[in-house]
N, C-alpha and C. Protein backbone atom coordinates (compact mmCIF):
# COMPACT_ATOMS: atom_id res chain seq x y z
N MET A 1 70.26 102.97 97.04
CA MET A 1 70.42 101.37 95.85
C MET A 1 71.32 102.16 94.96
N SER A 2 71.75 101.38 93.93
CA SER A 2 72.51 101.93 92.62
C SER A 2 72.17 101.92 91.79
N ASP A 3 72.36 102.36 90.64
CA ASP A 3 71.78 102.44 89.19
C ASP A 3 71.27 101.45 88.75
N ASP A 4 72.07 99.69 88.74
CA ASP A 4 71.32 99.20 88.01
C ASP A 4 72.96 97.63 88.42
N GLN A 5 72.18 96.62 88.62
CA GLN A 5 73.59 95.63 89.23
C GLN A 5 73.11 94.10 88.85
N ARG A 6 74.05 93.32 88.63
CA ARG A 6 73.46 91.92 88.73
C ARG A 6 73.16 91.50 89.93
N TYR A 7 72.02 90.96 90.03
CA TYR A 7 71.14 90.54 91.32
C TYR A 7 71.16 88.85 91.22
N SER A 8 71.11 88.11 92.30
CA SER A 8 70.90 86.66 92.38
C SER A 8 70.46 86.87 93.66
N PHE A 9 69.88 85.59 93.80
CA PHE A 9 69.19 84.66 95.24
C PHE A 9 69.09 83.38 94.94
N GLU A 10 68.93 83.02 95.89
CA GLU A 10 69.27 81.17 95.97
C GLU A 10 67.69 80.99 96.53
N HIS A 11 67.12 79.86 95.64
CA HIS A 11 65.80 79.36 95.91
C HIS A 11 65.81 78.06 95.15
N ASP A 12 65.62 77.53 96.13
CA ASP A 12 65.03 75.56 95.72
C ASP A 12 66.53 74.88 95.93
N GLY A 13 67.85 75.63 96.66
CA GLY A 13 68.93 74.90 96.22
C GLY A 13 69.83 75.38 94.50
N HIS A 14 69.38 76.36 94.42
CA HIS A 14 69.36 76.76 92.89
C HIS A 14 70.09 78.40 93.03
N GLU A 15 70.42 78.69 92.55
CA GLU A 15 71.61 80.11 92.23
C GLU A 15 70.49 80.69 90.75
N LEU A 16 69.50 82.07 91.10
CA LEU A 16 68.89 82.58 90.46
C LEU A 16 69.10 84.04 90.06
N VAL A 17 69.63 84.01 88.64
CA VAL A 17 70.64 85.27 88.05
C VAL A 17 69.41 86.30 87.23
N GLY A 18 69.59 87.76 88.11
CA GLY A 18 68.67 88.60 87.22
C GLY A 18 69.87 89.93 86.98
N HIS A 19 68.93 90.81 86.88
CA HIS A 19 69.07 92.29 86.63
C HIS A 19 68.34 93.19 87.96
N LEU A 20 68.81 94.11 88.53
CA LEU A 20 68.41 94.73 89.52
C LEU A 20 68.53 96.64 88.42
N ALA A 21 67.55 96.77 88.67
CA ALA A 21 67.22 98.29 88.25
C ALA A 21 66.66 99.64 89.05
N THR A 22 67.21 100.26 89.52
CA THR A 22 66.66 100.95 90.57
C THR A 22 66.87 102.73 90.20
N PRO A 23 66.28 103.68 90.46
CA PRO A 23 66.67 105.11 90.24
C PRO A 23 67.01 105.98 90.82
N ALA A 24 67.65 107.01 90.16
CA ALA A 24 69.11 107.47 90.77
C ALA A 24 68.67 108.28 92.13
N SER A 25 67.21 108.51 92.07
CA SER A 25 66.99 109.31 92.98
C SER A 25 65.74 108.20 93.83
N LEU A 26 65.37 108.72 95.15
CA LEU A 26 64.25 107.93 95.95
C LEU A 26 63.33 108.81 96.13
N SER A 27 62.15 108.62 95.86
CA SER A 27 60.69 109.44 95.72
C SER A 27 60.40 109.22 97.32
N HIS A 28 59.10 110.16 97.51
CA HIS A 28 58.90 110.13 99.13
C HIS A 28 58.22 109.19 98.91
N GLY A 29 58.08 108.41 100.34
CA GLY A 29 57.04 107.50 100.46
C GLY A 29 57.55 106.16 99.77
N GLY A 30 58.67 105.73 99.41
CA GLY A 30 59.24 104.63 99.03
C GLY A 30 58.98 104.19 97.56
N LEU A 31 59.52 103.22 97.11
CA LEU A 31 59.50 103.11 95.51
C LEU A 31 58.22 101.88 95.37
N PRO A 32 57.40 102.02 94.39
CA PRO A 32 57.11 100.90 93.59
C PRO A 32 58.13 99.86 93.30
N GLY A 33 57.55 98.15 93.67
CA GLY A 33 58.78 97.29 93.16
C GLY A 33 58.13 96.51 91.69
N LEU A 34 59.15 96.27 90.85
CA LEU A 34 58.74 95.44 89.63
C LEU A 34 59.68 94.33 89.43
N VAL A 35 58.68 92.85 88.82
CA VAL A 35 59.10 92.04 88.75
C VAL A 35 58.48 91.65 86.89
N ILE A 36 59.85 91.75 86.61
CA ILE A 36 59.54 91.42 84.74
C ILE A 36 60.10 89.85 84.82
N CYS A 37 58.97 88.96 84.25
CA CYS A 37 58.79 87.55 83.96
C CYS A 37 58.72 87.24 82.53
N HIS A 38 59.69 86.58 82.30
CA HIS A 38 60.08 86.58 81.26
C HIS A 38 59.11 84.89 80.47
N GLY A 39 58.92 85.00 79.19
CA GLY A 39 58.27 83.80 78.25
C GLY A 39 59.44 82.82 77.92
N PHE A 40 58.77 81.63 77.75
CA PHE A 40 59.21 80.45 76.97
C PHE A 40 60.37 80.71 76.18
N PRO A 41 61.54 80.15 76.29
CA PRO A 41 62.53 80.36 75.49
C PRO A 41 62.02 79.97 74.19
N SER A 42 62.28 80.94 72.91
CA SER A 42 62.35 80.78 71.68
C SER A 42 63.41 80.05 70.92
N LEU A 43 63.04 79.00 69.59
CA LEU A 43 64.12 78.65 69.27
C LEU A 43 65.33 79.59 68.97
N GLY A 44 65.39 80.47 68.91
CA GLY A 44 65.77 81.48 68.15
C GLY A 44 67.66 81.96 69.27
N ASN A 45 66.64 82.02 70.33
CA ASN A 45 67.56 82.39 71.12
C ASN A 45 68.30 81.61 72.47
N GLY A 46 67.12 80.46 72.42
CA GLY A 46 67.21 79.53 73.60
C GLY A 46 67.36 79.88 74.84
N ALA A 47 67.39 78.80 75.49
CA ALA A 47 67.09 79.06 77.22
C ALA A 47 68.44 80.25 77.79
N ALA A 48 69.94 80.08 77.23
CA ALA A 48 70.83 80.70 77.71
C ALA A 48 70.42 82.26 77.54
N ASN A 49 69.46 83.48 76.65
CA ASN A 49 68.87 84.99 76.53
C ASN A 49 67.36 84.66 76.83
N ALA A 50 66.86 83.88 77.56
CA ALA A 50 65.68 84.22 77.55
C ALA A 50 65.09 85.29 78.80
N GLY A 51 65.80 85.70 79.54
CA GLY A 51 65.88 86.46 80.45
C GLY A 51 66.14 88.06 79.80
N GLN A 52 67.32 87.81 79.58
CA GLN A 52 68.46 89.16 79.34
C GLN A 52 67.60 90.04 78.35
N SER A 53 66.86 89.93 77.54
CA SER A 53 66.28 90.27 76.89
C SER A 53 65.31 91.75 77.28
N TYR A 54 65.11 91.56 78.20
CA TYR A 54 64.32 92.27 79.22
C TYR A 54 64.79 93.35 80.59
N TYR A 55 66.08 93.13 80.38
CA TYR A 55 67.14 94.32 81.21
C TYR A 55 67.40 95.57 80.63
N GLU A 56 67.07 95.95 79.18
CA GLU A 56 67.33 96.95 78.92
C GLU A 56 65.58 98.09 79.42
N LEU A 57 64.93 97.19 79.12
CA LEU A 57 63.28 97.15 79.56
C LEU A 57 63.34 97.98 81.16
N ALA A 58 64.20 97.20 82.20
CA ALA A 58 64.13 97.37 83.62
C ALA A 58 64.68 98.43 83.77
N ASP A 59 65.57 98.72 83.39
CA ASP A 59 66.72 99.99 83.33
C ASP A 59 65.68 101.30 82.72
N ARG A 60 64.85 100.86 81.95
CA ARG A 60 64.25 102.00 81.35
C ARG A 60 62.62 102.34 81.97
N ILE A 61 61.85 101.35 82.67
CA ILE A 61 61.36 101.64 83.58
C ILE A 61 61.26 102.31 84.93
N ALA A 62 63.06 101.87 85.54
CA ALA A 62 63.78 102.15 86.33
C ALA A 62 64.13 103.55 86.60
N ARG A 63 64.39 104.12 84.94
CA ARG A 63 64.71 105.59 84.89
C ARG A 63 63.83 106.44 84.96
N GLU A 64 62.56 106.42 84.05
CA GLU A 64 61.77 106.92 83.57
C GLU A 64 60.43 107.02 84.62
N MET A 65 60.06 105.89 85.39
CA MET A 65 59.11 105.80 86.24
C MET A 65 59.66 105.93 87.77
N GLY A 66 60.56 105.56 87.83
CA GLY A 66 61.07 105.73 89.21
C GLY A 66 60.83 104.64 90.22
N TRP A 67 60.75 103.57 89.65
CA TRP A 67 60.74 102.08 89.61
C TRP A 67 61.63 100.89 90.15
N ALA A 68 61.66 100.36 91.00
CA ALA A 68 62.71 99.69 91.89
C ALA A 68 62.57 98.09 90.90
N VAL A 69 63.29 98.03 89.21
CA VAL A 69 62.83 96.98 88.80
C VAL A 69 64.02 95.20 88.47
N LEU A 70 63.43 94.11 88.74
CA LEU A 70 64.25 92.98 88.32
C LEU A 70 63.71 91.86 87.44
N ALA A 71 64.45 91.62 86.33
CA ALA A 71 64.59 91.37 85.56
C ALA A 71 64.98 90.05 85.44
N PHE A 72 64.52 88.95 86.01
CA PHE A 72 65.39 87.63 86.53
C PHE A 72 65.33 86.40 85.32
N ASN A 73 66.00 85.13 85.06
CA ASN A 73 65.78 84.58 84.76
C ASN A 73 65.41 83.36 85.35
N TYR A 74 64.71 82.56 85.47
CA TYR A 74 64.41 81.37 85.61
C TYR A 74 64.80 80.52 85.81
N ARG A 75 64.52 79.71 86.93
CA ARG A 75 65.38 78.07 86.75
C ARG A 75 65.73 77.46 85.46
N GLY A 76 66.97 77.37 85.32
CA GLY A 76 67.15 76.90 83.52
C GLY A 76 67.34 77.58 82.69
N CYS A 77 67.30 78.81 82.75
CA CYS A 77 67.34 79.69 82.35
C CYS A 77 68.59 80.72 82.45
N GLY A 78 68.85 81.79 80.93
CA GLY A 78 69.94 82.56 81.24
C GLY A 78 71.72 81.38 82.28
N ASP A 79 71.90 82.52 83.42
CA ASP A 79 72.78 81.98 84.15
C ASP A 79 72.53 81.19 85.20
N SER A 80 71.14 81.40 85.72
CA SER A 80 70.67 80.58 86.72
C SER A 80 70.63 78.64 86.55
N GLY A 81 70.74 78.37 87.62
CA GLY A 81 70.90 77.12 87.84
C GLY A 81 69.66 76.22 87.96
N GLY A 82 69.55 75.09 87.54
CA GLY A 82 68.28 74.25 87.90
C GLY A 82 68.14 73.89 85.91
N ASP A 83 66.71 73.11 86.38
CA ASP A 83 66.12 72.77 84.90
C ASP A 83 64.63 73.08 85.17
N PHE A 84 63.69 73.45 84.24
CA PHE A 84 62.27 74.05 83.42
C PHE A 84 61.82 73.11 84.12
N SER A 85 60.84 73.53 85.22
CA SER A 85 59.30 72.71 85.43
C SER A 85 58.29 73.91 85.61
N LEU A 86 57.58 74.16 85.32
CA LEU A 86 56.38 75.06 85.25
C LEU A 86 56.17 75.32 86.72
N ALA A 87 55.64 74.02 88.00
CA ALA A 87 55.74 74.65 89.12
C ALA A 87 56.83 75.69 89.51
N GLY A 88 58.14 74.72 89.21
CA GLY A 88 59.32 75.24 89.57
C GLY A 88 59.66 77.17 88.93
N TRP A 89 59.27 77.46 88.10
CA TRP A 89 59.32 78.32 87.74
C TRP A 89 57.70 79.37 88.43
N LEU A 90 56.99 78.97 88.30
CA LEU A 90 56.10 79.31 89.24
C LEU A 90 56.48 80.10 90.40
N SER A 91 57.39 79.30 91.09
CA SER A 91 57.75 79.19 92.54
C SER A 91 58.64 80.38 92.72
N ASP A 92 60.06 80.26 91.57
CA ASP A 92 61.10 81.22 91.05
C ASP A 92 60.20 82.36 91.31
N ILE A 93 59.05 83.03 90.64
CA ILE A 93 59.02 84.69 90.54
C ILE A 93 58.00 84.75 92.00
N GLN A 94 57.52 83.60 92.38
CA GLN A 94 57.10 84.09 93.82
C GLN A 94 58.51 84.53 95.21
N LYS A 95 59.33 83.91 94.55
CA LYS A 95 60.61 83.88 95.47
C LYS A 95 60.91 85.63 94.96
N ALA A 96 61.20 86.27 93.34
CA ALA A 96 61.29 87.20 93.28
C ALA A 96 60.79 88.25 93.60
N ALA A 97 59.52 88.05 93.85
CA ALA A 97 58.52 88.99 94.59
C ALA A 97 59.11 89.24 95.52
N ALA A 98 59.28 88.15 96.27
CA ALA A 98 59.73 88.47 97.88
C ALA A 98 61.00 89.36 98.15
N CYS A 99 61.53 88.92 97.27
CA CYS A 99 63.43 89.45 97.40
C CYS A 99 63.61 90.67 96.70
N VAL A 100 61.94 91.04 95.77
CA VAL A 100 62.03 92.61 96.11
C VAL A 100 61.48 93.40 96.66
N ARG A 101 60.51 92.65 97.50
CA ARG A 101 59.93 93.38 98.89
C ARG A 101 60.64 93.29 99.88
N ALA A 102 61.74 92.70 100.15
CA ALA A 102 62.58 92.95 101.07
C ALA A 102 63.80 94.00 100.56
N LEU A 103 63.88 94.48 99.61
CA LEU A 103 65.01 95.70 99.34
C LEU A 103 64.60 96.90 100.11
N PRO A 104 65.72 97.68 100.63
CA PRO A 104 65.28 98.94 101.17
C PRO A 104 64.56 99.69 99.91
N ASP A 105 63.40 100.27 100.70
CA ASP A 105 63.02 101.80 100.03
C ASP A 105 61.88 101.09 99.56
N VAL A 106 61.34 99.84 99.44
CA VAL A 106 60.28 98.58 98.33
C VAL A 106 59.05 99.15 99.21
N ARG A 107 58.05 99.72 98.63
CA ARG A 107 57.44 99.63 99.31
C ARG A 107 55.78 98.40 98.72
N ASP A 108 56.03 98.31 97.62
CA ASP A 108 55.16 97.58 97.83
C ASP A 108 55.56 96.27 95.79
N VAL A 109 54.62 95.48 95.68
CA VAL A 109 55.52 94.78 94.32
C VAL A 109 54.45 94.61 93.63
N TRP A 110 54.92 94.50 91.99
CA TRP A 110 53.94 94.29 91.19
C TRP A 110 54.77 93.04 90.30
N LEU A 111 54.01 92.55 89.44
CA LEU A 111 54.38 91.67 88.45
C LEU A 111 54.24 91.73 87.16
N ALA A 112 54.77 91.99 85.89
CA ALA A 112 54.91 91.83 84.71
C ALA A 112 55.31 91.00 83.74
N GLY A 113 54.52 90.16 83.22
CA GLY A 113 55.27 89.00 82.85
C GLY A 113 54.56 88.68 80.63
N PHE A 114 55.57 87.33 80.29
CA PHE A 114 55.26 87.71 78.75
C PHE A 114 55.14 86.07 78.63
N GLY A 115 53.70 86.33 77.62
CA GLY A 115 53.94 84.56 77.42
C GLY A 115 53.26 83.98 78.47
N THR A 116 54.37 83.16 78.65
CA THR A 116 54.09 81.70 80.13
C THR A 116 54.58 82.70 80.86
N GLY A 117 55.27 83.54 80.99
CA GLY A 117 55.62 84.51 82.17
C GLY A 117 54.66 85.38 82.85
N GLY A 118 53.62 85.82 81.65
CA GLY A 118 52.70 86.87 82.45
C GLY A 118 51.46 85.27 82.40
N ALA A 119 51.25 84.44 81.99
CA ALA A 119 50.36 83.19 82.75
C ALA A 119 50.64 83.10 84.61
N LEU A 120 52.11 82.98 84.42
CA LEU A 120 52.91 81.89 85.86
C LEU A 120 52.24 83.77 86.72
N SER A 121 52.54 85.04 86.28
CA SER A 121 52.95 85.64 87.11
C SER A 121 51.26 86.13 87.55
N ILE A 122 50.37 85.24 86.94
CA ILE A 122 49.11 85.51 86.98
C ILE A 122 48.72 84.85 88.44
N CYS A 123 49.38 83.73 88.06
CA CYS A 123 48.91 82.18 89.24
C CYS A 123 49.65 83.07 90.79
N ALA A 124 51.28 83.20 90.20
CA ALA A 124 51.74 83.96 91.52
C ALA A 124 51.17 84.87 92.32
N ALA A 125 50.96 85.78 91.53
CA ALA A 125 49.68 87.16 92.56
C ALA A 125 48.85 86.47 93.30
N ALA A 126 47.98 85.37 92.15
CA ALA A 126 47.39 84.69 93.46
C ALA A 126 46.87 84.15 94.39
N ASP A 127 48.45 83.54 94.29
CA ASP A 127 48.19 82.89 95.39
C ASP A 127 48.98 83.78 96.55
N ASP A 128 49.33 84.66 96.34
CA ASP A 128 50.38 85.81 96.97
C ASP A 128 49.71 87.20 97.44
N PRO A 129 48.89 87.56 98.83
CA PRO A 129 48.19 88.70 98.43
C PRO A 129 49.21 89.94 99.18
N THR A 130 50.12 90.20 99.46
CA THR A 130 51.25 90.51 99.43
C THR A 130 51.20 91.73 97.53
N ILE A 131 51.27 90.93 96.67
CA ILE A 131 51.34 91.32 95.26
C ILE A 131 50.16 92.41 94.55
N ARG A 132 50.72 93.49 94.67
CA ARG A 132 49.98 94.44 94.35
C ARG A 132 48.53 94.14 93.20
N GLY A 133 49.52 93.89 91.49
CA GLY A 133 48.74 93.34 90.67
C GLY A 133 49.59 93.33 89.75
N VAL A 134 49.21 92.82 88.53
CA VAL A 134 49.65 92.38 87.25
C VAL A 134 49.56 92.63 85.74
N ALA A 135 50.20 93.17 85.09
CA ALA A 135 50.17 93.06 83.67
C ALA A 135 50.70 92.15 82.51
N ALA A 136 50.22 91.60 82.43
CA ALA A 136 50.32 90.19 81.51
C ALA A 136 49.90 90.46 80.13
N MET A 137 51.00 89.92 79.29
CA MET A 137 51.06 90.27 77.97
C MET A 137 51.26 88.85 77.26
N ALA A 138 49.71 88.62 76.06
CA ALA A 138 49.94 87.67 75.71
C ALA A 138 49.86 86.74 76.80
N PRO A 139 49.51 86.14 77.42
CA PRO A 139 49.50 84.94 78.45
C PRO A 139 48.51 83.74 77.98
N PRO A 140 48.56 82.90 78.03
CA PRO A 140 47.25 81.32 77.50
C PRO A 140 46.79 81.31 78.68
N ALA A 141 45.54 81.27 78.69
CA ALA A 141 44.65 80.94 79.61
C ALA A 141 45.11 79.49 79.76
N ASP A 142 45.74 78.57 79.26
CA ASP A 142 46.07 77.11 80.22
C ASP A 142 47.34 76.91 79.41
N PHE A 143 47.72 75.38 79.77
CA PHE A 143 48.91 74.75 79.23
C PHE A 143 48.28 73.45 78.48
N GLU A 144 47.20 73.49 77.93
CA GLU A 144 46.78 72.91 77.33
C GLU A 144 47.74 71.51 76.34
N ASP A 145 47.89 72.99 75.61
CA ASP A 145 48.87 72.25 74.24
C ASP A 145 49.91 71.38 74.87
N TRP A 146 50.60 72.00 76.00
CA TRP A 146 51.77 71.25 75.93
C TRP A 146 51.29 69.70 77.37
N ALA A 147 50.38 70.09 77.64
CA ALA A 147 49.61 68.96 78.75
C ALA A 147 49.48 67.63 77.80
N SER A 148 49.07 67.97 76.38
CA SER A 148 48.60 67.02 75.64
C SER A 148 49.88 66.13 74.87
N ASP A 149 51.03 66.33 75.31
CA ASP A 149 52.01 65.86 74.53
C ASP A 149 53.15 66.25 75.48
N PRO A 150 52.85 66.12 76.63
CA PRO A 150 54.57 66.59 77.49
C PRO A 150 55.72 65.77 77.00
N ARG A 151 55.85 64.87 76.54
CA ARG A 151 56.98 64.02 76.48
C ARG A 151 58.05 65.04 75.37
N ARG A 152 56.90 65.87 73.88
CA ARG A 152 57.35 66.09 73.38
C ARG A 152 57.67 67.65 73.92
N LEU A 153 57.34 67.98 74.66
CA LEU A 153 57.67 69.58 75.40
C LEU A 153 59.12 69.26 76.21
N LEU A 154 59.21 67.79 77.27
CA LEU A 154 60.51 67.71 77.33
C LEU A 154 61.37 68.08 76.86
N GLN A 155 61.38 67.06 75.49
CA GLN A 155 62.44 67.00 74.35
C GLN A 155 62.95 68.08 74.11
N HIS A 156 61.61 69.37 73.84
CA HIS A 156 62.04 70.32 73.33
C HIS A 156 62.58 71.79 74.05
N ALA A 157 62.56 71.34 75.51
CA ALA A 157 62.82 71.65 76.71
C ALA A 157 64.38 71.41 76.72
N ARG A 158 64.47 70.37 76.48
CA ARG A 158 66.19 69.92 76.44
C ARG A 158 66.74 70.77 75.38
N GLU A 159 66.36 70.67 73.75
CA GLU A 159 66.57 71.13 72.54
C GLU A 159 66.93 72.69 73.04
N LEU A 160 66.50 73.34 73.92
CA LEU A 160 66.53 74.66 73.92
C LEU A 160 67.57 74.90 75.03
N GLY A 161 68.07 74.20 76.12
CA GLY A 161 68.74 74.33 76.89
C GLY A 161 68.11 74.50 78.37
N ALA A 162 66.87 74.61 78.76
CA ALA A 162 66.15 74.56 79.40
C ALA A 162 66.35 73.46 80.68
N ILE A 163 66.66 72.52 79.76
CA ILE A 163 67.01 70.87 81.09
C ILE A 163 67.74 70.40 80.57
N THR A 164 68.61 70.55 81.15
CA THR A 164 70.58 69.93 80.78
C THR A 164 70.80 68.77 81.66
N THR A 165 69.78 68.39 83.31
CA THR A 165 70.41 67.37 84.00
C THR A 165 70.24 66.08 83.31
N PRO A 166 70.86 65.80 83.57
CA PRO A 166 70.69 63.96 82.99
C PRO A 166 69.71 62.80 84.14
N GLY A 167 68.62 62.93 83.28
CA GLY A 167 67.98 62.01 84.47
C GLY A 167 66.27 62.84 84.52
N PHE A 168 66.49 63.84 84.15
CA PHE A 168 65.86 65.13 85.06
C PHE A 168 64.42 64.79 84.01
N PRO A 169 62.80 64.96 84.56
CA PRO A 169 62.65 65.16 86.06
C PRO A 169 62.91 63.78 86.27
N GLU A 170 63.02 63.51 87.79
CA GLU A 170 63.38 62.55 88.09
C GLU A 170 61.34 61.93 88.25
N ASP A 171 60.87 62.07 88.02
CA ASP A 171 58.90 61.99 88.51
C ASP A 171 58.52 62.71 87.28
N PHE A 172 58.27 61.98 86.49
CA PHE A 172 58.63 62.51 84.98
C PHE A 172 56.37 62.77 85.18
N ASP A 173 55.69 61.61 85.34
CA ASP A 173 54.10 62.03 86.20
C ASP A 173 53.76 63.37 86.63
N THR A 174 54.37 63.91 87.69
CA THR A 174 54.69 65.02 88.45
C THR A 174 54.61 66.04 87.83
N TRP A 175 56.45 65.82 87.33
CA TRP A 175 55.77 66.79 86.02
C TRP A 175 55.46 67.13 85.11
N ALA A 176 54.55 66.40 84.20
CA ALA A 176 53.61 66.42 83.21
C ALA A 176 51.88 67.07 83.95
N LYS A 177 52.23 66.45 85.08
CA LYS A 177 50.78 67.15 85.69
C LYS A 177 50.53 68.24 86.08
N GLU A 178 51.82 68.94 86.35
CA GLU A 178 51.51 70.41 86.31
C GLU A 178 51.15 71.39 85.49
N LEU A 179 51.56 70.37 84.26
CA LEU A 179 50.87 71.51 82.81
C LEU A 179 49.46 71.50 82.54
N ARG A 180 48.82 70.65 83.54
CA ARG A 180 47.44 70.59 83.44
C ARG A 180 46.66 71.77 84.58
N THR A 181 47.22 71.56 85.43
CA THR A 181 46.90 71.76 87.28
C THR A 181 47.43 73.40 86.89
N ILE A 182 48.62 74.16 86.42
CA ILE A 182 48.58 75.27 86.68
C ILE A 182 48.07 75.83 85.18
N LYS A 183 46.95 76.87 85.42
CA LYS A 183 46.24 77.43 84.58
C LYS A 183 45.92 79.03 85.05
N ALA A 184 46.12 80.13 84.30
CA ALA A 184 46.12 81.14 84.09
C ALA A 184 44.56 82.11 84.55
N VAL A 185 43.56 81.05 83.83
CA VAL A 185 41.98 81.37 84.13
C VAL A 185 41.62 81.36 85.43
N ASP A 186 42.49 80.13 86.17
CA ASP A 186 42.16 80.07 87.60
C ASP A 186 42.49 80.95 88.17
N GLY A 187 43.69 81.69 88.07
CA GLY A 187 44.71 82.45 88.72
C GLY A 187 44.00 83.73 88.67
N ALA A 188 43.35 83.73 87.41
CA ALA A 188 43.14 85.13 87.75
C ALA A 188 41.19 85.74 88.29
N ALA A 189 40.87 84.38 88.77
CA ALA A 189 39.53 84.30 89.32
C ALA A 189 39.63 84.88 90.90
N ARG A 190 40.85 83.97 91.27
CA ARG A 190 41.72 84.18 92.98
C ARG A 190 42.30 85.50 92.86
N LEU A 191 42.72 86.19 91.67
CA LEU A 191 43.34 87.42 92.00
C LEU A 191 42.71 88.51 92.12
N ALA A 192 41.15 88.72 91.68
CA ALA A 192 40.22 89.27 91.42
C ALA A 192 40.15 89.92 93.36
N PRO A 193 39.69 90.89 93.48
CA PRO A 193 39.90 92.31 92.69
C PRO A 193 40.73 92.96 92.50
N ARG A 194 41.89 92.37 92.75
CA ARG A 194 43.44 93.04 92.79
C ARG A 194 43.33 93.57 90.82
N PRO A 195 44.05 94.47 90.95
CA PRO A 195 44.13 94.66 88.89
C PRO A 195 45.30 93.47 88.47
N LEU A 196 44.25 93.78 87.37
CA LEU A 196 45.13 92.53 85.97
C LEU A 196 44.60 93.64 85.01
N LEU A 197 45.95 93.84 83.87
CA LEU A 197 45.96 94.20 82.93
C LEU A 197 46.19 93.13 81.94
N VAL A 198 45.46 92.78 80.71
CA VAL A 198 45.84 91.55 80.01
C VAL A 198 45.77 92.54 78.40
N VAL A 199 46.99 92.14 78.14
CA VAL A 199 47.65 92.83 76.48
C VAL A 199 48.06 91.74 75.50
N HIS A 200 46.97 91.80 74.98
CA HIS A 200 47.26 90.65 73.77
C HIS A 200 47.23 91.42 72.01
N GLY A 201 48.00 90.97 71.22
CA GLY A 201 48.29 91.57 69.77
C GLY A 201 47.49 91.37 68.86
N ALA A 202 46.43 91.89 68.29
CA ALA A 202 45.65 90.95 67.37
C ALA A 202 46.34 89.53 66.14
N GLU A 203 47.38 90.15 66.02
CA GLU A 203 48.53 89.46 64.90
C GLU A 203 49.04 87.88 65.40
N ASP A 204 48.52 87.94 67.14
CA ASP A 204 49.38 87.08 67.63
C ASP A 204 49.18 85.03 67.22
N ASP A 205 50.17 84.55 66.13
CA ASP A 205 49.89 83.38 66.05
C ASP A 205 50.83 82.13 66.78
N THR A 206 50.81 82.64 67.96
CA THR A 206 51.20 81.44 69.23
C THR A 206 50.89 81.64 69.85
N VAL A 207 49.84 82.38 70.77
CA VAL A 207 48.65 82.10 71.59
C VAL A 207 47.52 82.93 71.03
N PRO A 208 46.22 82.32 71.47
CA PRO A 208 44.88 82.99 70.46
C PRO A 208 44.58 84.05 71.14
N THR A 209 43.94 84.54 70.43
CA THR A 209 43.61 85.98 71.12
C THR A 209 42.34 85.75 72.04
N LEU A 210 41.86 85.03 71.89
CA LEU A 210 40.43 84.55 72.17
C LEU A 210 41.14 84.55 74.44
N ASP A 211 42.17 83.91 74.37
CA ASP A 211 42.66 83.37 76.12
C ASP A 211 42.63 84.67 76.25
N ALA A 212 43.13 85.85 76.03
CA ALA A 212 43.05 87.15 76.75
C ALA A 212 41.56 87.17 77.37
N ARG A 213 41.10 87.18 76.50
CA ARG A 213 39.10 87.47 76.70
C ARG A 213 39.05 86.58 77.63
N VAL A 214 38.99 85.28 77.87
CA VAL A 214 39.01 84.18 78.73
C VAL A 214 39.47 84.45 79.98
N ILE A 215 41.02 84.98 80.23
CA ILE A 215 41.36 85.10 81.25
C ILE A 215 40.48 86.94 81.88
N ALA A 216 40.03 87.68 80.90
CA ALA A 216 39.68 88.96 81.64
C ALA A 216 38.46 88.32 82.09
N ASP A 217 37.95 87.42 81.51
CA ASP A 217 36.38 87.16 81.98
C ASP A 217 36.16 86.65 83.36
N ALA A 218 37.27 86.15 83.61
CA ALA A 218 37.77 85.21 84.85
C ALA A 218 37.87 85.77 85.49
N HIS A 219 38.66 87.15 85.67
CA HIS A 219 38.79 88.13 86.47
C HIS A 219 37.21 89.03 86.96
N GLY A 220 37.11 89.18 85.72
CA GLY A 220 36.06 90.08 86.00
C GLY A 220 35.78 91.54 85.65
N GLU A 221 37.08 92.29 86.33
CA GLU A 221 37.09 93.68 85.97
C GLU A 221 38.60 94.08 85.69
N ALA A 222 38.82 92.88 84.87
CA ALA A 222 40.74 93.32 84.49
C ALA A 222 40.13 94.29 83.27
N GLU A 223 41.22 94.99 83.03
CA GLU A 223 41.72 95.81 81.75
C GLU A 223 42.40 94.74 80.70
N LEU A 224 41.38 94.97 79.35
CA LEU A 224 41.50 94.59 77.94
C LEU A 224 42.22 95.20 76.97
């Protein structure tokens, strides 16, 4: 493997683009693999820069810990094609994990996610028993805030550039329903007893700190 490289893969008819960082030398017994999953784009950076801020983190983990690390952009973000949907992003994470698992010398795969990416990482791992465990930073327990006003979220996603295709989504009701059916609190229960680390800052004013406790309690053995 090279030290680092642009990495892309096809999924659901879209090219998803990210950054693959690998250590300079191979450890005995193969490498652990990690997928870094970014959060929902912010107003300051927009969808175009959602995942790129984690490329340096990927390099550091690869260099200092000897892991193979993929930081990538979901559909609708960065240089990736497609448009935002919650189920689509969940599927993107599962595909990214499969791609890392297929890399030469990678022996197992873990997920690390931030905000929305943390919640979706929990759900992705819950449905894929080959994923060893998850570290979730400030994950919301559910997406009820979005589900309460899905048209507002849709407009917000368009303003951020995460949705650019005219007329998307074709089926708004299905797009909106995903906001209620995908829940980290449910995923945490299914993920157990595989490892789960939940990290949440006491000063976080975006995601309630109680969400971390709810997720940890649902798992039963999570580190908090």
